[in-house]
Amino acid sequence: MSQSFGRETPTAHSQNPHRQPARFLVVIDSGGSPVARLFLDTREQVAEFDAGTEEAAQMTAGLLPTQGADGPEWDRALEGHSHAERQLADVYTLPV
């Protein structure tokens, strides 16, 4: 008889620290189409996806954006975008 009958015993849960939550969602034009970029408090990018997705709409529901990501705090995070793109960007501060 096989020793692999049934399901495996679950492994013990590891107590690793959780990832930091995303704090900012920036909707910015990138080559003619809008992209949504998620950033931590430190302005480190953690994700990028199409701004037309349902997830982007759900994240921003009920939030009012600040227009423009052209401040010095965004220089390094958005260095691949032009000044004009950064001025027109919508910055959402996500509730933590």
PDB file of N, CA and C in Angstrom:
ATOM      1  N   MET A   1       0.841  -1.175   0.000  1.00  0.00           N
ATOM      2  CA  MET A   1       0.000   0.000   0.000  1.00  0.00           C
ATOM      3  C   MET A   1       0.887   1.239   0.000  1.00  0.00           C
ATOM      4  N   SER A   2       0.470   2.261  -0.706  1.00  0.00           N
ATOM      5  CA  SER A   2       1.251   3.488  -0.838  1.00  0.00           C
ATOM      6  C   SER A   2       1.215   4.310   0.447  1.00  0.00           C
ATOM      7  N   GLN A   3       2.326   4.975   0.726  1.00  0.00           N
ATOM      8  CA  GLN A   3       2.407   5.844   1.900  1.00  0.00           C
ATOM      9  C   GLN A   3       1.924   7.262   1.592  1.00  0.00           C
ATOM     10  N   SER A   4       1.484   7.525   0.355  1.00  0.00           N
ATOM     11  CA  SER A   4       1.072   8.877  -0.036  1.00  0.00           C
ATOM     12  C   SER A   4      -0.448   9.032  -0.059  1.00  0.00           C
ATOM     13  N   PHE A   5      -1.147   8.118   0.586  1.00  0.00           N
ATOM     14  CA  PHE A   5      -2.597   8.191   0.614  1.00  0.00           C
ATOM     15  C   PHE A   5      -3.045   9.335   1.518  1.00  0.00           C
ATOM     16  N   GLY A   6      -4.022  10.114   1.064  1.00  0.00           N
ATOM     17  CA  GLY A   6      -4.547  11.204   1.879  1.00  0.00           C
ATOM     18  C   GLY A   6      -3.841  12.521   1.590  1.00  0.00           C
ATOM     19  N   ARG A   7      -3.999  13.470   2.488  1.00  0.00           N
ATOM     20  CA  ARG A   7      -3.388  14.785   2.302  1.00  0.00           C
ATOM     21  C   ARG A   7      -2.204  14.956   3.232  1.00  0.00           C
ATOM     22  N   GLU A   8      -1.310  15.859   2.807  1.00  0.00           N
ATOM     23  CA  GLU A   8      -0.145  16.143   3.636  1.00  0.00           C
ATOM     24  C   GLU A   8      -0.549  16.900   4.890  1.00  0.00           C
ATOM     25  N   THR A   9       0.243  16.728   5.914  1.00  0.00           N
ATOM     26  CA  THR A   9       0.052  17.520   7.123  1.00  0.00           C
ATOM     27  C   THR A   9       0.528  18.938   6.833  1.00  0.00           C
ATOM     28  N   PRO A  10      -0.258  19.971   7.179  1.00  0.00           N
ATOM     29  CA  PRO A  10       0.172  21.338   6.908  1.00  0.00           C
ATOM     30  C   PRO A  10       1.462  21.675   7.661  1.00  0.00           C
ATOM     31  N   THR A  11       2.291  22.469   7.025  1.00  0.00           N
ATOM     32  CA  THR A  11       3.524  22.890   7.687  1.00  0.00           C
ATOM     33  C   THR A  11       3.201  23.949   8.732  1.00  0.00           C
ATOM     34  N   ALA A  12       4.100  24.125   9.663  1.00  0.00           N
ATOM     35  CA  ALA A  12       3.903  25.126  10.716  1.00  0.00           C
ATOM     36  C   ALA A  12       3.903  26.518  10.110  1.00  0.00           C
ATOM     37  N   HIS A  13       3.084  27.388  10.654  1.00  0.00           N
ATOM     38  CA  HIS A  13       2.998  28.771  10.180  1.00  0.00           C
ATOM     39  C   HIS A  13       4.249  29.530  10.602  1.00  0.00           C
ATOM     40  N   SER A  14       4.848  30.237   9.659  1.00  0.00           N
ATOM     41  CA  SER A  14       6.038  31.025  10.009  1.00  0.00           C
ATOM     42  C   SER A  14       5.606  32.423  10.444  1.00  0.00           C
ATOM     43  N   GLN A  15       6.283  32.960  11.410  1.00  0.00           N
ATOM     44  CA  GLN A  15       5.936  34.261  11.977  1.00  0.00           C
ATOM     45  C   GLN A  15       6.784  35.377  11.362  1.00  0.00           C
ATOM     46  N   ASN A  16       6.932  35.357  10.045  1.00  0.00           N
ATOM     47  CA  ASN A  16       7.675  36.407   9.365  1.00  0.00           C
ATOM     48  C   ASN A  16       6.882  37.703   9.388  1.00  0.00           C
ATOM     49  N   PRO A  17       7.552  38.836   9.419  1.00  0.00           N
ATOM     50  CA  PRO A  17       6.819  40.105   9.403  1.00  0.00           C
ATOM     51  C   PRO A  17       6.104  40.304   8.065  1.00  0.00           C
ATOM     52  N   HIS A  18       4.969  40.948   8.122  1.00  0.00           N
ATOM     53  CA  HIS A  18       4.204  41.229   6.912  1.00  0.00           C
ATOM     54  C   HIS A  18       4.868  42.345   6.122  1.00  0.00           C
ATOM     55  N   ARG A  19       4.542  42.405   4.841  1.00  0.00           N
ATOM     56  CA  ARG A  19       5.042  43.499   4.016  1.00  0.00           C
ATOM     57  C   ARG A  19       4.361  44.790   4.438  1.00  0.00           C
ATOM     58  N   GLN A  20       5.017  45.908   4.206  1.00  0.00           N
ATOM     59  CA  GLN A  20       4.425  47.205   4.504  1.00  0.00           C
ATOM     60  C   GLN A  20       3.270  47.451   3.543  1.00  0.00           C
ATOM     61  N   PRO A  21       2.216  48.121   4.005  1.00  0.00           N
ATOM     62  CA  PRO A  21       1.109  48.412   3.098  1.00  0.00           C
ATOM     63  C   PRO A  21       1.465  49.541   2.135  1.00  0.00           C
ATOM     64  N   ALA A  22       0.902  49.497   0.942  1.00  0.00           N
ATOM     65  CA  ALA A  22       1.095  50.582  -0.017  1.00  0.00           C
ATOM     66  C   ALA A  22       0.380  51.815   0.508  1.00  0.00           C
ATOM     67  N   ARG A  23       1.014  52.957   0.367  1.00  0.00           N
ATOM     68  CA  ARG A  23       0.466  54.206   0.901  1.00  0.00           C
ATOM     69  C   ARG A  23      -0.042  55.139  -0.189  1.00  0.00           C
ATOM     70  N   PHE A  24       0.588  55.100  -1.378  1.00  0.00           N
ATOM     71  CA  PHE A  24       0.209  55.999  -2.463  1.00  0.00           C
ATOM     72  C   PHE A  24      -0.083  55.207  -3.729  1.00  0.00           C
ATOM     73  N   LEU A  25      -1.099  55.653  -4.463  1.00  0.00           N
ATOM     74  CA  LEU A  25      -1.391  55.131  -5.783  1.00  0.00           C
ATOM     75  C   LEU A  25      -1.301  56.315  -6.728  1.00  0.00           C
ATOM     76  N   VAL A  26      -0.408  56.240  -7.697  1.00  0.00           N
ATOM     77  CA  VAL A  26      -0.209  57.318  -8.663  1.00  0.00           C
ATOM     78  C   VAL A  26      -0.716  56.838 -10.011  1.00  0.00           C
ATOM     79  N   VAL A  27      -1.666  57.581 -10.573  1.00  0.00           N
ATOM     80  CA  VAL A  27      -2.159  57.306 -11.923  1.00  0.00           C
ATOM     81  C   VAL A  27      -1.476  58.316 -12.830  1.00  0.00           C
ATOM     82  N   ILE A  28      -0.650  57.805 -13.728  1.00  0.00           N
ATOM     83  CA  ILE A  28       0.181  58.668 -14.568  1.00  0.00           C
ATOM     84  C   ILE A  28       0.194  58.135 -15.990  1.00  0.00           C
ATOM     85  N   ASP A  29       0.281  59.048 -16.952  1.00  0.00           N
ATOM     86  CA  ASP A  29       0.356  58.669 -18.351  1.00  0.00           C
ATOM     87  C   ASP A  29       1.740  58.106 -18.652  1.00  0.00           C
ATOM     88  N   SER A  30       1.749  57.004 -19.365  1.00  0.00           N
ATOM     89  CA  SER A  30       3.024  56.383 -19.725  1.00  0.00           C
ATOM     90  C   SER A  30       2.944  55.939 -21.178  1.00  0.00           C
ATOM     91  N   GLY A  31       3.461  56.763 -22.069  1.00  0.00           N
ATOM     92  CA  GLY A  31       3.441  56.426 -23.489  1.00  0.00           C
ATOM     93  C   GLY A  31       2.059  56.423 -24.092  1.00  0.00           C
ATOM     94  N   GLY A  32       1.182  57.256 -23.601  1.00  0.00           N
ATOM     95  CA  GLY A  32      -0.155  57.370 -24.162  1.00  0.00           C
ATOM     96  C   GLY A  32      -1.228  56.574 -23.455  1.00  0.00           C
ATOM     97  N   SER A  33      -0.881  55.751 -22.486  1.00  0.00           N
ATOM     98  CA  SER A  33      -1.905  55.019 -21.735  1.00  0.00           C
ATOM     99  C   SER A  33      -1.639  55.181 -20.238  1.00  0.00           C
ATOM    100  N   PRO A  34      -2.692  55.320 -19.464  1.00  0.00           N
ATOM    101  CA  PRO A  34      -2.507  55.531 -18.023  1.00  0.00           C
ATOM    102  C   PRO A  34      -2.111  54.249 -17.300  1.00  0.00           C
ATOM    103  N   VAL A  35      -1.168  54.378 -16.393  1.00  0.00           N
ATOM    104  CA  VAL A  35      -0.771  53.261 -15.543  1.00  0.00           C
ATOM    105  C   VAL A  35      -0.954  53.673 -14.092  1.00  0.00           C
ATOM    106  N   ALA A  36      -1.214  52.699 -13.263  1.00  0.00           N
ATOM    107  CA  ALA A  36      -1.328  52.915 -11.819  1.00  0.00           C
ATOM    108  C   ALA A  36      -0.085  52.318 -11.181  1.00  0.00           C
ATOM    109  N   ARG A  37       0.559  53.118 -10.347  1.00  0.00           N
ATOM    110  CA  ARG A  37       1.780  52.660  -9.675  1.00  0.00           C
ATOM    111  C   ARG A  37       1.581  52.792  -8.177  1.00  0.00           C
ATOM    112  N   LEU A  38       1.859  51.714  -7.450  1.00  0.00           N
ATOM    113  CA  LEU A  38       1.720  51.696  -5.995  1.00  0.00           C
ATOM    114  C   LEU A  38       3.068  51.954  -5.342  1.00  0.00           C
ATOM    115  N   PHE A  39       3.064  52.805  -4.306  1.00  0.00           N
ATOM    116  CA  PHE A  39       4.282  53.162  -3.599  1.00  0.00           C
ATOM    117  C   PHE A  39       4.100  53.021  -2.095  1.00  0.00           C
ATOM    118  N   LEU A  40       5.197  52.704  -1.429  1.00  0.00           N
ATOM    119  CA  LEU A  40       5.233  52.710   0.034  1.00  0.00           C
ATOM    120  C   LEU A  40       5.393  54.146   0.518  1.00  0.00           C
ATOM    121  N   ASP A  41       5.378  54.344   1.838  1.00  0.00           N
ATOM    122  CA  ASP A  41       5.625  55.670   2.423  1.00  0.00           C
ATOM    123  C   ASP A  41       6.961  56.246   1.972  1.00  0.00           C
ATOM    124  N   THR A  42       7.914  55.379   1.726  1.00  0.00           N
ATOM    125  CA  THR A  42       9.263  55.795   1.344  1.00  0.00           C
ATOM    126  C   THR A  42       9.363  56.133  -0.135  1.00  0.00           C
ATOM    127  N   ARG A  43       8.263  56.075  -0.851  1.00  0.00           N
ATOM    128  CA  ARG A  43       8.185  56.303  -2.295  1.00  0.00           C
ATOM    129  C   ARG A  43       8.882  55.198  -3.088  1.00  0.00           C
ATOM    130  N   GLU A  44       8.990  54.023  -2.491  1.00  0.00           N
ATOM    131  CA  GLU A  44       9.527  52.858  -3.186  1.00  0.00           C
ATOM    132  C   GLU A  44       8.370  52.168  -3.903  1.00  0.00           C
ATOM    133  N   GLN A  45       8.530  51.933  -5.200  1.00  0.00           N
ATOM    134  CA  GLN A  45       7.466  51.316  -5.973  1.00  0.00           C
ATOM    135  C   GLN A  45       7.355  49.839  -5.646  1.00  0.00           C
ATOM    136  N   VAL A  46       6.102  49.376  -5.435  1.00  0.00           N
ATOM    137  CA  VAL A  46       5.880  47.959  -5.141  1.00  0.00           C
ATOM    138  C   VAL A  46       5.021  47.262  -6.192  1.00  0.00           C
ATOM    139  N   ALA A  47       4.345  48.031  -7.057  1.00  0.00           N
ATOM    140  CA  ALA A  47       3.522  47.419  -8.099  1.00  0.00           C
ATOM    141  C   ALA A  47       3.219  48.436  -9.187  1.00  0.00           C
ATOM    142  N   GLU A  48       2.933  47.917 -10.374  1.00  0.00           N
ATOM    143  CA  GLU A  48       2.519  48.745 -11.505  1.00  0.00           C
ATOM    144  C   GLU A  48       1.538  47.937 -12.333  1.00  0.00           C
ATOM    145  N   PHE A  49       0.414  48.558 -12.706  1.00  0.00           N
ATOM    146  CA  PHE A  49      -0.585  47.862 -13.501  1.00  0.00           C
ATOM    147  C   PHE A  49      -1.402  48.875 -14.283  1.00  0.00           C
ATOM    148  N   ASP A  50      -2.221  48.387 -15.199  1.00  0.00           N
ATOM    149  CA  ASP A  50      -3.058  49.226 -16.041  1.00  0.00           C
ATOM    150  C   ASP A  50      -4.069  49.969 -15.169  1.00  0.00           C
ATOM    151  N   ALA A  51      -4.160  51.281 -15.351  1.00  0.00           N
ATOM    152  CA  ALA A  51      -5.053  52.090 -14.524  1.00  0.00           C
ATOM    153  C   ALA A  51      -6.527  51.869 -14.862  1.00  0.00           C
ATOM    154  N   GLY A  52      -6.813  51.179 -15.952  1.00  0.00           N
ATOM    155  CA  GLY A  52      -8.191  50.926 -16.331  1.00  0.00           C
ATOM    156  C   GLY A  52      -8.784  49.670 -15.712  1.00  0.00           C
ATOM    157  N   THR A  53      -8.052  48.999 -14.852  1.00  0.00           N
ATOM    158  CA  THR A  53      -8.552  47.765 -14.247  1.00  0.00           C
ATOM    159  C   THR A  53      -9.572  48.050 -13.158  1.00  0.00           C
ATOM    160  N   GLU A  54     -10.350  47.039 -12.864  1.00  0.00           N
ATOM    161  CA  GLU A  54     -11.353  47.145 -11.808  1.00  0.00           C
ATOM    162  C   GLU A  54     -10.698  47.357 -10.444  1.00  0.00           C
ATOM    163  N   GLU A  55      -9.534  46.779 -10.242  1.00  0.00           N
ATOM    164  CA  GLU A  55      -8.830  46.921  -8.967  1.00  0.00           C
ATOM    165  C   GLU A  55      -8.440  48.368  -8.710  1.00  0.00           C
ATOM    166  N   ALA A  56      -7.995  49.055  -9.759  1.00  0.00           N
ATOM    167  CA  ALA A  56      -7.630  50.471  -9.609  1.00  0.00           C
ATOM    168  C   ALA A  56      -8.861  51.293  -9.237  1.00  0.00           C
ATOM    169  N   ALA A  57      -9.981  50.990  -9.857  1.00  0.00           N
ATOM    170  CA  ALA A  57     -11.218  51.703  -9.542  1.00  0.00           C
ATOM    171  C   ALA A  57     -11.660  51.442  -8.104  1.00  0.00           C
ATOM    172  N   GLN A  58     -11.516  50.211  -7.646  1.00  0.00           N
ATOM    173  CA  GLN A  58     -11.893  49.879  -6.273  1.00  0.00           C
ATOM    174  C   GLN A  58     -10.991  50.562  -5.263  1.00  0.00           C
ATOM    175  N   MET A  59      -9.699  50.639  -5.548  1.00  0.00           N
ATOM    176  CA  MET A  59      -8.755  51.275  -4.620  1.00  0.00           C
ATOM    177  C   MET A  59      -9.013  52.764  -4.465  1.00  0.00           C
ATOM    178  N   THR A  60      -9.458  53.404  -5.534  1.00  0.00           N
ATOM    179  CA  THR A  60      -9.628  54.851  -5.506  1.00  0.00           C
ATOM    180  C   THR A  60     -11.058  55.296  -5.227  1.00  0.00           C
ATOM    181  N   ALA A  61     -11.974  54.348  -5.067  1.00  0.00           N
ATOM    182  CA  ALA A  61     -13.375  54.694  -4.824  1.00  0.00           C
ATOM    183  C   ALA A  61     -13.507  55.534  -3.559  1.00  0.00           C
ATOM    184  N   GLY A  62     -14.098  56.702  -3.700  1.00  0.00           N
ATOM    185  CA  GLY A  62     -14.333  57.577  -2.559  1.00  0.00           C
ATOM    186  C   GLY A  62     -13.145  58.431  -2.156  1.00  0.00           C
ATOM    187  N   LEU A  63     -12.020  58.293  -2.844  1.00  0.00           N
ATOM    188  CA  LEU A  63     -10.836  59.084  -2.515  1.00  0.00           C
ATOM    189  C   LEU A  63     -10.685  60.239  -3.497  1.00  0.00           C
ATOM    190  N   LEU A  64     -10.240  61.371  -3.009  1.00  0.00           N
ATOM    191  CA  LEU A  64      -9.976  62.512  -3.873  1.00  0.00           C
ATOM    192  C   LEU A  64      -8.478  62.605  -4.125  1.00  0.00           C
ATOM    193  N   PRO A  65      -8.086  62.670  -5.400  1.00  0.00           N
ATOM    194  CA  PRO A  65      -6.654  62.718  -5.692  1.00  0.00           C
ATOM    195  C   PRO A  65      -6.094  64.128  -5.571  1.00  0.00           C
ATOM    196  N   THR A  66      -4.814  64.186  -5.369  1.00  0.00           N
ATOM    197  CA  THR A  66      -4.062  65.421  -5.466  1.00  0.00           C
ATOM    198  C   THR A  66      -3.449  65.411  -6.848  1.00  0.00           C
ATOM    199  N   GLN A  67      -3.605  66.494  -7.589  1.00  0.00           N
ATOM    200  CA  GLN A  67      -3.031  66.499  -8.935  1.00  0.00           C
ATOM    201  C   GLN A  67      -1.593  66.976  -8.881  1.00  0.00           C
ATOM    202  N   GLY A  68      -0.755  66.223  -9.538  1.00  0.00           N
ATOM    203  CA  GLY A  68       0.648  66.578  -9.645  1.00  0.00           C
ATOM    204  C   GLY A  68       1.534  65.767  -8.721  1.00  0.00           C
ATOM    205  N   ALA A  69       2.526  65.141  -9.311  1.00  0.00           N
ATOM    206  CA  ALA A  69       3.553  64.408  -8.567  1.00  0.00           C
ATOM    207  C   ALA A  69       4.901  64.976  -8.986  1.00  0.00           C
ATOM    208  N   ASP A  70       4.980  66.317  -8.988  1.00  0.00           N
ATOM    209  CA  ASP A  70       6.196  66.962  -9.458  1.00  0.00           C
ATOM    210  C   ASP A  70       7.034  67.543  -8.325  1.00  0.00           C
ATOM    211  N   GLY A  71       6.709  67.204  -7.100  1.00  0.00           N
ATOM    212  CA  GLY A  71       7.492  67.651  -5.953  1.00  0.00           C
ATOM    213  C   GLY A  71       8.794  66.872  -5.850  1.00  0.00           C
ATOM    214  N   PRO A  72       9.726  67.379  -5.060  1.00  0.00           N
ATOM    215  CA  PRO A  72      11.024  66.711  -4.929  1.00  0.00           C
ATOM    216  C   PRO A  72      10.934  65.308  -4.332  1.00  0.00           C
ATOM    217  N   GLU A  73       9.901  65.036  -3.545  1.00  0.00           N
ATOM    218  CA  GLU A  73       9.756  63.706  -2.948  1.00  0.00           C
ATOM    219  C   GLU A  73       9.480  62.631  -4.005  1.00  0.00           C
ATOM    220  N   TRP A  74       9.000  63.029  -5.189  1.00  0.00           N
ATOM    221  CA  TRP A  74       8.691  62.091  -6.267  1.00  0.00           C
ATOM    222  C   TRP A  74       9.788  62.017  -7.327  1.00  0.00           C
ATOM    223  N   ASP A  75      10.840  62.807  -7.197  1.00  0.00           N
ATOM    224  CA  ASP A  75      11.888  62.854  -8.226  1.00  0.00           C
ATOM    225  C   ASP A  75      12.466  61.480  -8.539  1.00  0.00           C
ATOM    226  N   ARG A  76      12.888  60.776  -7.546  1.00  0.00           N
ATOM    227  CA  ARG A  76      13.529  59.469  -7.779  1.00  0.00           C
ATOM    228  C   ARG A  76      12.504  58.415  -8.191  1.00  0.00           C
ATOM    229  N   ALA A  77      11.335  58.434  -7.575  1.00  0.00           N
ATOM    230  CA  ALA A  77      10.317  57.416  -7.846  1.00  0.00           C
ATOM    231  C   ALA A  77       9.770  57.497  -9.269  1.00  0.00           C
ATOM    232  N   LEU A  78       9.671  58.711  -9.800  1.00  0.00           N
ATOM    233  CA  LEU A  78       9.073  58.899 -11.121  1.00  0.00           C
ATOM    234  C   LEU A  78      10.066  59.468 -12.128  1.00  0.00           C
ATOM    235  N   GLU A  79      11.332  59.143 -11.974  1.00  0.00           N
ATOM    236  CA  GLU A  79      12.362  59.720 -12.819  1.00  0.00           C
ATOM    237  C   GLU A  79      12.225  59.344 -14.290  1.00  0.00           C
ATOM    238  N   GLY A  80      11.506  58.297 -14.617  1.00  0.00           N
ATOM    239  CA  GLY A  80      11.318  57.897 -16.012  1.00  0.00           C
ATOM    240  C   GLY A  80      10.216  58.659 -16.721  1.00  0.00           C
ATOM    241  N   HIS A  81       9.508  59.517 -16.018  1.00  0.00           N
ATOM    242  CA  HIS A  81       8.403  60.271 -16.606  1.00  0.00           C
ATOM    243  C   HIS A  81       8.819  61.722 -16.832  1.00  0.00           C
ATOM    244  N   SER A  82       8.219  62.344 -17.839  1.00  0.00           N
ATOM    245  CA  SER A  82       8.508  63.746 -18.124  1.00  0.00           C
ATOM    246  C   SER A  82       7.861  64.641 -17.069  1.00  0.00           C
ATOM    247  N   HIS A  83       8.321  65.884 -17.035  1.00  0.00           N
ATOM    248  CA  HIS A  83       7.766  66.853 -16.079  1.00  0.00           C
ATOM    249  C   HIS A  83       6.280  67.079 -16.352  1.00  0.00           C
ATOM    250  N   ALA A  84       5.901  67.119 -17.639  1.00  0.00           N
ATOM    251  CA  ALA A  84       4.493  67.313 -18.007  1.00  0.00           C
ATOM    252  C   ALA A  84       3.634  66.142 -17.525  1.00  0.00           C
ATOM    253  N   GLU A  85       4.121  64.908 -17.686  1.00  0.00           N
ATOM    254  CA  GLU A  85       3.375  63.739 -17.209  1.00  0.00           C
ATOM    255  C   GLU A  85       3.216  63.781 -15.699  1.00  0.00           C
ATOM    256  N   ARG A  86       4.264  64.175 -15.012  1.00  0.00           N
ATOM    257  CA  ARG A  86       4.215  64.239 -13.548  1.00  0.00           C
ATOM    258  C   ARG A  86       3.258  65.321 -13.062  1.00  0.00           C
ATOM    259  N   GLN A  87       3.175  66.447 -13.772  1.00  0.00           N
ATOM    260  CA  GLN A  87       2.256  67.511 -13.373  1.00  0.00           C
ATOM    261  C   GLN A  87       0.803  67.083 -13.516  1.00  0.00           C
ATOM    262  N   LEU A  88       0.510  66.245 -14.485  1.00  0.00           N
ATOM    263  CA  LEU A  88      -0.864  65.796 -14.733  1.00  0.00           C
ATOM    264  C   LEU A  88      -1.245  64.528 -13.967  1.00  0.00           C
ATOM    265  N   ALA A  89      -0.314  63.948 -13.245  1.00  0.00           N
ATOM    266  CA  ALA A  89      -0.571  62.708 -12.523  1.00  0.00           C
ATOM    267  C   ALA A  89      -1.550  62.938 -11.375  1.00  0.00           C
ATOM    268  N   ASP A  90      -2.341  61.919 -11.089  1.00  0.00           N
ATOM    269  CA  ASP A  90      -3.244  61.933  -9.930  1.00  0.00           C
ATOM    270  C   ASP A  90      -2.615  61.079  -8.843  1.00  0.00           C
ATOM    271  N   VAL A  91      -2.470  61.657  -7.643  1.00  0.00           N
ATOM    272  CA  VAL A  91      -1.861  60.957  -6.519  1.00  0.00           C
ATOM    273  C   VAL A  91      -2.946  60.707  -5.479  1.00  0.00           C
ATOM    274  N   TYR A  92      -3.195  59.451  -5.197  1.00  0.00           N
ATOM    275  CA  TYR A  92      -4.177  59.055  -4.183  1.00  0.00           C
ATOM    276  C   TYR A  92      -3.414  58.586  -2.943  1.00  0.00           C
ATOM    277  N   THR A  93      -3.804  59.085  -1.791  1.00  0.00           N
ATOM    278  CA  THR A  93      -3.249  58.602  -0.532  1.00  0.00           C
ATOM    279  C   THR A  93      -4.197  57.521  -0.012  1.00  0.00           C
ATOM    280  N   LEU A  94      -3.700  56.312   0.064  1.00  0.00           N
ATOM    281  CA  LEU A  94      -4.537  55.169   0.442  1.00  0.00           C
ATOM    282  C   LEU A  94      -4.645  55.058   1.954  1.00  0.00           C
ATOM    283  N   PRO A  95      -5.830  54.722   2.459  1.00  0.00           N
ATOM    284  CA  PRO A  95      -5.966  54.507   3.894  1.00  0.00           C
ATOM    285  C   PRO A  95      -5.212  53.247   4.300  1.00  0.00           C
ATOM    286  N   VAL A  96      -4.550  53.306   5.424  1.00  0.00           N
ATOM    287  CA  VAL A  96      -3.774  52.156   5.878  1.00  0.00           C
ATOM    288  C   VAL A  96      -4.566  51.377   6.904  1.00  0.00           C
TER     289      VAL A  96
END
